[in-house]
Every structure is written in C-alpha cells, then in structure tokens.
Amino acid sequence: MIEKIKALCIKHREILVYLIVGGLTTVVSWAAKFIWNFAFYAGTAYPTVVQNFILSVVNWVAGVAFAYPMNRRFVFQSKNPDILKEAGGFVMSRVATLILDIVMMQVLVLLGMNVYIATVIVAVLVIVGNYVFSKFLVFNKK
C-alpha cells in the first residue's frame, strides 16, 4: 500500500508540489490583501469598486512576487538560463489571471457577495488558470 502511494506521489509530483506552492502563494497573497483591507479600509466586507480593485492588485503583486521563484525552483524545476524572459512570461500570464480576478471580484461583489467568499471562489479559477499558463506557456520544456 505504501509503495502504491509513493508511486502515485512520484507520478504526480508536479501537480502535488504545485498545490503546495499554490497553497502557500494563496496564504501570502491573501495575507497581503486582508492586511491592506484592515489597515486602509477598516476590514470592510463590502469594499467600493476602487477599494476592490486596489485589493486585487495588492493580492496579485504579493502572489506573483512569491510564486515565480517557488514555481521555477520547486514545481517546474526550470533550468532556463534566460530568467528575464521566463519571468516576463510568468508576469504576463499572471496579468491575464489578474484581469480574470478583477472582473470576477467586481461582478461577485456587485451582485452582493461578501468579499471573503468571492475571494475563495475567484481563487479557484485563478489557480487553475495559473497552472495551465505556467505549464504550457512559461515553463514549457521543449
């Protein structure tokens, strides 16, 4: 039984490590977002459109700054010597999911959803999008 679990872990290492790194990235980015929310907006559960936009950007910047080196080193084990090009591709792919994040957060909050619940729902979509972009566009081993 242990050998089967070990074999499955080895077979699916990349996805398992991505989920761990993604979880850590989520903790870092949400911490930044919610600390900003409490520091500047009194912890509101229903931010204005502008506040919501700023919270999404804070969330994104913290997440990207943490995620790139973690994904490069641990998830995709990239050996690409052109780090600037790779990092640029990573940032651009994350811009795409930032747009998804901003649009979905605005829609859900405008529909009356609590910002904390909306954050969890949007995070699932963003995590899936980030993996697809990273796997097939940024860290693609040709």
N, C-alpha and C. Protein backbone atom coordinates (compact mmCIF):
# COMPACT_ATOMS: atom_id res chain seq x y z
N MET A 1 0.82 -1.20 0.00
CA MET A 1 0.00 0.00 0.00
C MET A 1 0.87 1.27 0.00
N ILE A 2 1.88 1.29 0.84
CA ILE A 2 2.78 2.45 0.92
C ILE A 2 3.50 2.63 -0.41
N GLU A 3 3.89 1.55 -1.04
CA GLU A 3 4.59 1.64 -2.32
C GLU A 3 3.68 2.23 -3.41
N LYS A 4 2.40 1.88 -3.36
CA LYS A 4 1.45 2.43 -4.34
C LYS A 4 1.29 3.94 -4.14
N ILE A 5 1.20 4.36 -2.89
CA ILE A 5 1.08 5.78 -2.59
C ILE A 5 2.33 6.52 -3.03
N LYS A 6 3.48 5.92 -2.74
CA LYS A 6 4.76 6.52 -3.14
C LYS A 6 4.84 6.65 -4.66
N ALA A 7 4.43 5.60 -5.37
CA ALA A 7 4.45 5.63 -6.84
C ALA A 7 3.52 6.70 -7.39
N LEU A 8 2.34 6.84 -6.78
CA LEU A 8 1.41 7.88 -7.20
C LEU A 8 1.98 9.28 -6.95
N CYS A 9 2.65 9.45 -5.81
CA CYS A 9 3.26 10.74 -5.49
C CYS A 9 4.36 11.09 -6.48
N ILE A 10 5.15 10.11 -6.85
CA ILE A 10 6.22 10.34 -7.82
C ILE A 10 5.62 10.65 -9.20
N LYS A 11 4.61 9.89 -9.57
CA LYS A 11 3.97 10.09 -10.87
C LYS A 11 3.34 11.48 -10.98
N HIS A 12 2.75 11.96 -9.90
CA HIS A 12 2.03 13.23 -9.92
C HIS A 12 2.75 14.31 -9.11
N ARG A 13 4.07 14.21 -9.02
CA ARG A 13 4.87 15.14 -8.22
C ARG A 13 4.59 16.60 -8.56
N GLU A 14 4.61 16.91 -9.85
CA GLU A 14 4.45 18.29 -10.28
C GLU A 14 3.14 18.90 -9.78
N ILE A 15 2.05 18.18 -9.95
CA ILE A 15 0.75 18.70 -9.51
C ILE A 15 0.70 18.81 -7.99
N LEU A 16 1.23 17.82 -7.29
CA LEU A 16 1.23 17.87 -5.82
C LEU A 16 2.05 19.05 -5.31
N VAL A 17 3.23 19.25 -5.87
CA VAL A 17 4.07 20.37 -5.45
C VAL A 17 3.40 21.69 -5.84
N TYR A 18 2.77 21.73 -7.02
CA TYR A 18 2.06 22.94 -7.44
C TYR A 18 0.95 23.29 -6.44
N LEU A 19 0.23 22.28 -5.97
CA LEU A 19 -0.83 22.53 -5.00
C LEU A 19 -0.27 23.07 -3.68
N ILE A 20 0.87 22.54 -3.27
CA ILE A 20 1.51 23.03 -2.04
C ILE A 20 1.99 24.47 -2.23
N VAL A 21 2.72 24.71 -3.32
CA VAL A 21 3.21 26.06 -3.60
C VAL A 21 2.03 27.01 -3.82
N GLY A 22 1.01 26.54 -4.51
CA GLY A 22 -0.18 27.36 -4.72
C GLY A 22 -0.87 27.71 -3.41
N GLY A 23 -0.91 26.74 -2.51
CA GLY A 23 -1.48 27.00 -1.19
C GLY A 23 -0.69 28.05 -0.43
N LEU A 24 0.63 27.92 -0.48
CA LEU A 24 1.49 28.92 0.18
C LEU A 24 1.35 30.29 -0.47
N THR A 25 1.28 30.31 -1.80
CA THR A 25 1.10 31.56 -2.53
C THR A 25 -0.22 32.21 -2.14
N THR A 26 -1.25 31.39 -2.02
CA THR A 26 -2.56 31.90 -1.62
C THR A 26 -2.50 32.52 -0.23
N VAL A 27 -1.82 31.86 0.69
CA VAL A 27 -1.68 32.39 2.05
C VAL A 27 -0.97 33.75 2.00
N VAL A 28 0.13 33.83 1.26
CA VAL A 28 0.90 35.08 1.17
C VAL A 28 0.05 36.19 0.54
N SER A 29 -0.60 35.90 -0.57
CA SER A 29 -1.35 36.94 -1.27
C SER A 29 -2.60 37.36 -0.50
N TRP A 30 -3.29 36.41 0.11
CA TRP A 30 -4.46 36.76 0.91
C TRP A 30 -4.06 37.54 2.16
N ALA A 31 -2.95 37.16 2.76
CA ALA A 31 -2.48 37.90 3.94
C ALA A 31 -2.23 39.35 3.56
N ALA A 32 -1.56 39.57 2.43
CA ALA A 32 -1.31 40.94 1.98
C ALA A 32 -2.63 41.68 1.72
N LYS A 33 -3.55 41.01 1.05
CA LYS A 33 -4.85 41.61 0.72
C LYS A 33 -5.63 41.98 1.98
N PHE A 34 -5.72 41.05 2.91
CA PHE A 34 -6.55 41.29 4.09
C PHE A 34 -5.86 42.24 5.08
N ILE A 35 -4.54 42.20 5.15
CA ILE A 35 -3.83 43.19 5.98
C ILE A 35 -4.07 44.60 5.41
N TRP A 36 -3.99 44.73 4.08
CA TRP A 36 -4.27 46.02 3.44
C TRP A 36 -5.71 46.44 3.73
N ASN A 37 -6.65 45.49 3.59
CA ASN A 37 -8.05 45.79 3.83
C ASN A 37 -8.27 46.30 5.26
N PHE A 38 -7.66 45.65 6.24
CA PHE A 38 -7.82 46.08 7.62
C PHE A 38 -7.07 47.38 7.90
N ALA A 39 -5.90 47.54 7.29
CA ALA A 39 -5.10 48.74 7.55
C ALA A 39 -5.69 50.00 6.92
N PHE A 40 -6.27 49.85 5.71
CA PHE A 40 -6.72 51.04 4.98
C PHE A 40 -8.24 51.16 4.82
N TYR A 41 -8.97 50.05 4.95
CA TYR A 41 -10.42 50.08 4.72
C TYR A 41 -11.22 49.53 5.90
N ALA A 42 -10.61 49.49 7.06
CA ALA A 42 -11.28 49.05 8.30
C ALA A 42 -11.85 47.64 8.19
N GLY A 43 -11.27 46.81 7.32
CA GLY A 43 -11.69 45.42 7.21
C GLY A 43 -13.06 45.22 6.60
N THR A 44 -13.48 46.14 5.76
CA THR A 44 -14.81 46.06 5.18
C THR A 44 -15.03 44.76 4.42
N ALA A 45 -16.23 44.21 4.55
CA ALA A 45 -16.60 43.02 3.78
C ALA A 45 -17.22 43.40 2.44
N TYR A 46 -17.53 44.69 2.28
CA TYR A 46 -18.16 45.16 1.04
C TYR A 46 -17.43 46.42 0.55
N PRO A 47 -16.23 46.21 -0.03
CA PRO A 47 -15.44 47.36 -0.49
C PRO A 47 -16.08 48.05 -1.69
N THR A 48 -15.70 49.31 -1.87
CA THR A 48 -16.13 50.04 -3.06
C THR A 48 -15.43 49.44 -4.28
N VAL A 49 -15.84 49.87 -5.45
CA VAL A 49 -15.21 49.38 -6.69
C VAL A 49 -13.72 49.69 -6.68
N VAL A 50 -13.35 50.91 -6.28
CA VAL A 50 -11.93 51.31 -6.26
C VAL A 50 -11.18 50.50 -5.20
N GLN A 51 -11.73 50.37 -4.02
CA GLN A 51 -11.09 49.58 -2.96
C GLN A 51 -10.91 48.13 -3.41
N ASN A 52 -11.93 47.58 -4.04
CA ASN A 52 -11.88 46.20 -4.51
C ASN A 52 -10.77 46.03 -5.55
N PHE A 53 -10.63 47.00 -6.45
CA PHE A 53 -9.58 46.97 -7.47
C PHE A 53 -8.20 46.99 -6.79
N ILE A 54 -8.01 47.90 -5.84
CA ILE A 54 -6.73 48.00 -5.14
C ILE A 54 -6.42 46.72 -4.38
N LEU A 55 -7.42 46.13 -3.74
CA LEU A 55 -7.22 44.87 -3.01
C LEU A 55 -6.79 43.75 -3.97
N SER A 56 -7.38 43.72 -5.16
CA SER A 56 -6.99 42.71 -6.15
C SER A 56 -5.55 42.91 -6.60
N VAL A 57 -5.13 44.15 -6.79
CA VAL A 57 -3.76 44.44 -7.21
C VAL A 57 -2.76 44.07 -6.11
N VAL A 58 -3.07 44.42 -4.86
CA VAL A 58 -2.20 44.06 -3.73
C VAL A 58 -2.06 42.54 -3.65
N ASN A 59 -3.18 41.86 -3.76
CA ASN A 59 -3.21 40.39 -3.76
C ASN A 59 -2.31 39.83 -4.86
N TRP A 60 -2.42 40.40 -6.05
CA TRP A 60 -1.67 39.93 -7.22
C TRP A 60 -0.17 40.15 -7.07
N VAL A 61 0.22 41.36 -6.69
CA VAL A 61 1.65 41.68 -6.57
C VAL A 61 2.32 40.75 -5.55
N ALA A 62 1.70 40.58 -4.40
CA ALA A 62 2.27 39.69 -3.38
C ALA A 62 2.36 38.25 -3.89
N GLY A 63 1.31 37.81 -4.58
CA GLY A 63 1.29 36.44 -5.10
C GLY A 63 2.34 36.19 -6.15
N VAL A 64 2.49 37.12 -7.09
CA VAL A 64 3.48 36.95 -8.17
C VAL A 64 4.90 36.98 -7.62
N ALA A 65 5.15 37.91 -6.71
CA ALA A 65 6.50 38.03 -6.13
C ALA A 65 6.90 36.75 -5.40
N PHE A 66 5.95 36.09 -4.78
CA PHE A 66 6.23 34.84 -4.08
C PHE A 66 6.24 33.65 -5.04
N ALA A 67 5.28 33.63 -5.97
CA ALA A 67 5.06 32.44 -6.81
C ALA A 67 6.14 32.17 -7.84
N TYR A 68 6.69 33.21 -8.48
CA TYR A 68 7.65 32.94 -9.55
C TYR A 68 8.85 32.13 -9.07
N PRO A 69 9.58 32.57 -8.05
CA PRO A 69 10.74 31.77 -7.64
C PRO A 69 10.35 30.38 -7.13
N MET A 70 9.20 30.28 -6.48
CA MET A 70 8.77 28.98 -5.95
C MET A 70 8.41 28.02 -7.09
N ASN A 71 7.68 28.52 -8.09
CA ASN A 71 7.31 27.68 -9.24
C ASN A 71 8.54 27.31 -10.06
N ARG A 72 9.43 28.25 -10.26
CA ARG A 72 10.65 27.99 -11.03
C ARG A 72 11.48 26.90 -10.37
N ARG A 73 11.68 27.03 -9.08
CA ARG A 73 12.59 26.13 -8.37
C ARG A 73 11.94 24.78 -8.03
N PHE A 74 10.77 24.83 -7.45
CA PHE A 74 10.20 23.61 -6.86
C PHE A 74 9.19 22.88 -7.73
N VAL A 75 8.33 23.62 -8.43
CA VAL A 75 7.28 22.97 -9.19
C VAL A 75 7.80 22.48 -10.53
N PHE A 76 8.29 23.41 -11.34
CA PHE A 76 8.68 23.07 -12.70
C PHE A 76 10.17 22.82 -12.86
N GLN A 77 10.94 23.03 -11.81
CA GLN A 77 12.38 22.79 -11.78
C GLN A 77 13.06 23.31 -13.04
N SER A 78 12.79 24.56 -13.34
CA SER A 78 13.30 25.18 -14.55
C SER A 78 14.81 25.40 -14.48
N LYS A 79 15.46 25.11 -15.58
CA LYS A 79 16.90 25.36 -15.73
C LYS A 79 17.14 26.39 -16.83
N ASN A 80 16.07 27.07 -17.24
CA ASN A 80 16.16 28.06 -18.31
C ASN A 80 17.14 29.16 -17.91
N PRO A 81 18.21 29.35 -18.70
CA PRO A 81 19.19 30.39 -18.35
C PRO A 81 18.66 31.81 -18.59
N ASP A 82 17.63 31.94 -19.40
CA ASP A 82 17.07 33.26 -19.70
C ASP A 82 15.96 33.59 -18.68
N ILE A 83 16.40 33.89 -17.47
CA ILE A 83 15.47 34.13 -16.37
C ILE A 83 14.59 35.35 -16.65
N LEU A 84 15.14 36.39 -17.25
CA LEU A 84 14.34 37.59 -17.52
C LEU A 84 13.19 37.29 -18.48
N LYS A 85 13.46 36.53 -19.51
CA LYS A 85 12.40 36.18 -20.46
C LYS A 85 11.36 35.29 -19.78
N GLU A 86 11.84 34.33 -19.02
CA GLU A 86 10.93 33.42 -18.32
C GLU A 86 10.08 34.19 -17.29
N ALA A 87 10.72 35.04 -16.51
CA ALA A 87 10.00 35.84 -15.52
C ALA A 87 8.99 36.77 -16.20
N GLY A 88 9.39 37.34 -17.33
CA GLY A 88 8.48 38.20 -18.08
C GLY A 88 7.25 37.43 -18.56
N GLY A 89 7.47 36.22 -19.05
CA GLY A 89 6.35 35.37 -19.46
C GLY A 89 5.46 35.01 -18.29
N PHE A 90 6.08 34.77 -17.15
CA PHE A 90 5.34 34.44 -15.94
C PHE A 90 4.46 35.62 -15.53
N VAL A 91 5.06 36.81 -15.52
CA VAL A 91 4.31 38.02 -15.13
C VAL A 91 3.16 38.26 -16.10
N MET A 92 3.42 38.11 -17.40
CA MET A 92 2.36 38.35 -18.39
C MET A 92 1.22 37.33 -18.24
N SER A 93 1.56 36.08 -17.96
CA SER A 93 0.50 35.09 -17.77
C SER A 93 -0.31 35.41 -16.52
N ARG A 94 0.36 35.95 -15.52
CA ARG A 94 -0.34 36.32 -14.29
C ARG A 94 -1.16 37.59 -14.48
N VAL A 95 -0.78 38.44 -15.44
CA VAL A 95 -1.62 39.60 -15.76
C VAL A 95 -2.97 39.12 -16.29
N ALA A 96 -2.94 38.07 -17.11
CA ALA A 96 -4.18 37.52 -17.65
C ALA A 96 -5.10 37.05 -16.52
N THR A 97 -4.53 36.36 -15.53
CA THR A 97 -5.38 35.89 -14.43
C THR A 97 -5.71 37.03 -13.46
N LEU A 98 -4.90 38.09 -13.44
CA LEU A 98 -5.26 39.27 -12.66
C LEU A 98 -6.53 39.90 -13.24
N ILE A 99 -6.59 39.98 -14.55
CA ILE A 99 -7.78 40.53 -15.20
C ILE A 99 -9.00 39.68 -14.86
N LEU A 100 -8.84 38.35 -14.92
CA LEU A 100 -9.91 37.44 -14.52
C LEU A 100 -10.32 37.72 -13.08
N ASP A 101 -9.34 37.87 -12.19
CA ASP A 101 -9.59 38.14 -10.78
C ASP A 101 -10.37 39.43 -10.60
N ILE A 102 -9.91 40.50 -11.23
CA ILE A 102 -10.56 41.81 -11.07
C ILE A 102 -12.00 41.77 -11.57
N VAL A 103 -12.20 41.21 -12.76
CA VAL A 103 -13.54 41.16 -13.34
C VAL A 103 -14.47 40.32 -12.47
N MET A 104 -14.02 39.13 -12.10
CA MET A 104 -14.88 38.25 -11.30
C MET A 104 -15.17 38.84 -9.92
N MET A 105 -14.16 39.45 -9.29
CA MET A 105 -14.38 40.06 -7.97
C MET A 105 -15.39 41.19 -8.08
N GLN A 106 -15.26 42.02 -9.10
CA GLN A 106 -16.21 43.13 -9.28
C GLN A 106 -17.62 42.60 -9.47
N VAL A 107 -17.76 41.60 -10.33
CA VAL A 107 -19.09 41.05 -10.61
C VAL A 107 -19.70 40.45 -9.35
N LEU A 108 -18.93 39.61 -8.65
CA LEU A 108 -19.48 38.94 -7.47
C LEU A 108 -19.82 39.92 -6.36
N VAL A 109 -18.96 40.90 -6.13
CA VAL A 109 -19.23 41.89 -5.07
C VAL A 109 -20.41 42.78 -5.47
N LEU A 110 -20.48 43.18 -6.75
CA LEU A 110 -21.62 43.99 -7.20
C LEU A 110 -22.94 43.21 -7.12
N LEU A 111 -22.85 41.89 -7.22
CA LEU A 111 -24.05 41.06 -7.06
C LEU A 111 -24.42 40.86 -5.59
N GLY A 112 -23.60 41.46 -4.70
CA GLY A 112 -23.91 41.41 -3.27
C GLY A 112 -23.18 40.34 -2.49
N MET A 113 -22.23 39.68 -3.12
CA MET A 113 -21.49 38.64 -2.41
C MET A 113 -20.43 39.26 -1.50
N ASN A 114 -20.27 38.70 -0.35
CA ASN A 114 -19.25 39.09 0.62
C ASN A 114 -17.87 38.94 -0.03
N VAL A 115 -16.97 39.91 0.18
CA VAL A 115 -15.65 39.91 -0.45
C VAL A 115 -14.84 38.67 -0.06
N TYR A 116 -15.04 38.15 1.12
CA TYR A 116 -14.26 37.00 1.57
C TYR A 116 -14.70 35.72 0.85
N ILE A 117 -15.99 35.56 0.66
CA ILE A 117 -16.50 34.40 -0.08
C ILE A 117 -16.11 34.52 -1.55
N ALA A 118 -16.26 35.72 -2.11
CA ALA A 118 -15.90 35.95 -3.51
C ALA A 118 -14.42 35.64 -3.74
N THR A 119 -13.57 36.00 -2.78
CA THR A 119 -12.13 35.75 -2.89
C THR A 119 -11.84 34.26 -3.03
N VAL A 120 -12.52 33.44 -2.26
CA VAL A 120 -12.30 31.99 -2.32
C VAL A 120 -12.75 31.44 -3.68
N ILE A 121 -13.91 31.86 -4.14
CA ILE A 121 -14.42 31.38 -5.43
C ILE A 121 -13.49 31.77 -6.57
N VAL A 122 -13.08 33.03 -6.59
CA VAL A 122 -12.20 33.52 -7.65
C VAL A 122 -10.84 32.84 -7.58
N ALA A 123 -10.36 32.55 -6.39
CA ALA A 123 -9.05 31.90 -6.24
C ALA A 123 -9.00 30.56 -6.95
N VAL A 124 -10.07 29.81 -6.91
CA VAL A 124 -10.09 28.51 -7.59
C VAL A 124 -9.89 28.70 -9.10
N LEU A 125 -10.61 29.65 -9.68
CA LEU A 125 -10.46 29.91 -11.11
C LEU A 125 -9.05 30.39 -11.46
N VAL A 126 -8.51 31.25 -10.62
CA VAL A 126 -7.17 31.81 -10.86
C VAL A 126 -6.10 30.73 -10.74
N ILE A 127 -6.21 29.86 -9.76
CA ILE A 127 -5.22 28.79 -9.56
C ILE A 127 -5.18 27.86 -10.76
N VAL A 128 -6.34 27.49 -11.27
CA VAL A 128 -6.39 26.62 -12.45
C VAL A 128 -5.77 27.34 -13.66
N GLY A 129 -6.15 28.59 -13.86
CA GLY A 129 -5.59 29.36 -14.97
C GLY A 129 -4.08 29.52 -14.86
N ASN A 130 -3.60 29.79 -13.66
CA ASN A 130 -2.16 29.95 -13.45
C ASN A 130 -1.39 28.67 -13.77
N TYR A 131 -1.94 27.53 -13.38
CA TYR A 131 -1.26 26.27 -13.66
C TYR A 131 -1.18 26.03 -15.17
N VAL A 132 -2.28 26.24 -15.85
CA VAL A 132 -2.30 26.00 -17.30
C VAL A 132 -1.29 26.91 -18.01
N PHE A 133 -1.30 28.20 -17.67
CA PHE A 133 -0.35 29.13 -18.29
C PHE A 133 1.10 28.74 -17.95
N SER A 134 1.36 28.44 -16.69
CA SER A 134 2.73 28.09 -16.28
C SER A 134 3.21 26.82 -16.96
N LYS A 135 2.37 25.81 -16.97
CA LYS A 135 2.74 24.51 -17.52
C LYS A 135 2.99 24.58 -19.03
N PHE A 136 2.11 25.25 -19.75
CA PHE A 136 2.17 25.17 -21.21
C PHE A 136 2.80 26.39 -21.89
N LEU A 137 2.90 27.51 -21.19
CA LEU A 137 3.47 28.69 -21.83
C LEU A 137 4.79 29.15 -21.21
N VAL A 138 4.86 29.17 -19.89
CA VAL A 138 6.04 29.76 -19.23
C VAL A 138 7.14 28.75 -19.03
N PHE A 139 6.85 27.64 -18.41
CA PHE A 139 7.89 26.65 -18.08
C PHE A 139 7.84 25.45 -19.00
N ASN A 140 7.38 25.66 -20.21
CA ASN A 140 7.24 24.61 -21.20
C ASN A 140 8.62 24.07 -21.59
N LYS A 141 8.87 22.82 -21.29
CA LYS A 141 10.16 22.20 -21.63
C LYS A 141 10.06 21.58 -23.01
N LYS A 142 10.60 22.31 -23.99
CA LYS A 142 10.52 21.82 -25.37
C LYS A 142 11.67 20.88 -25.68
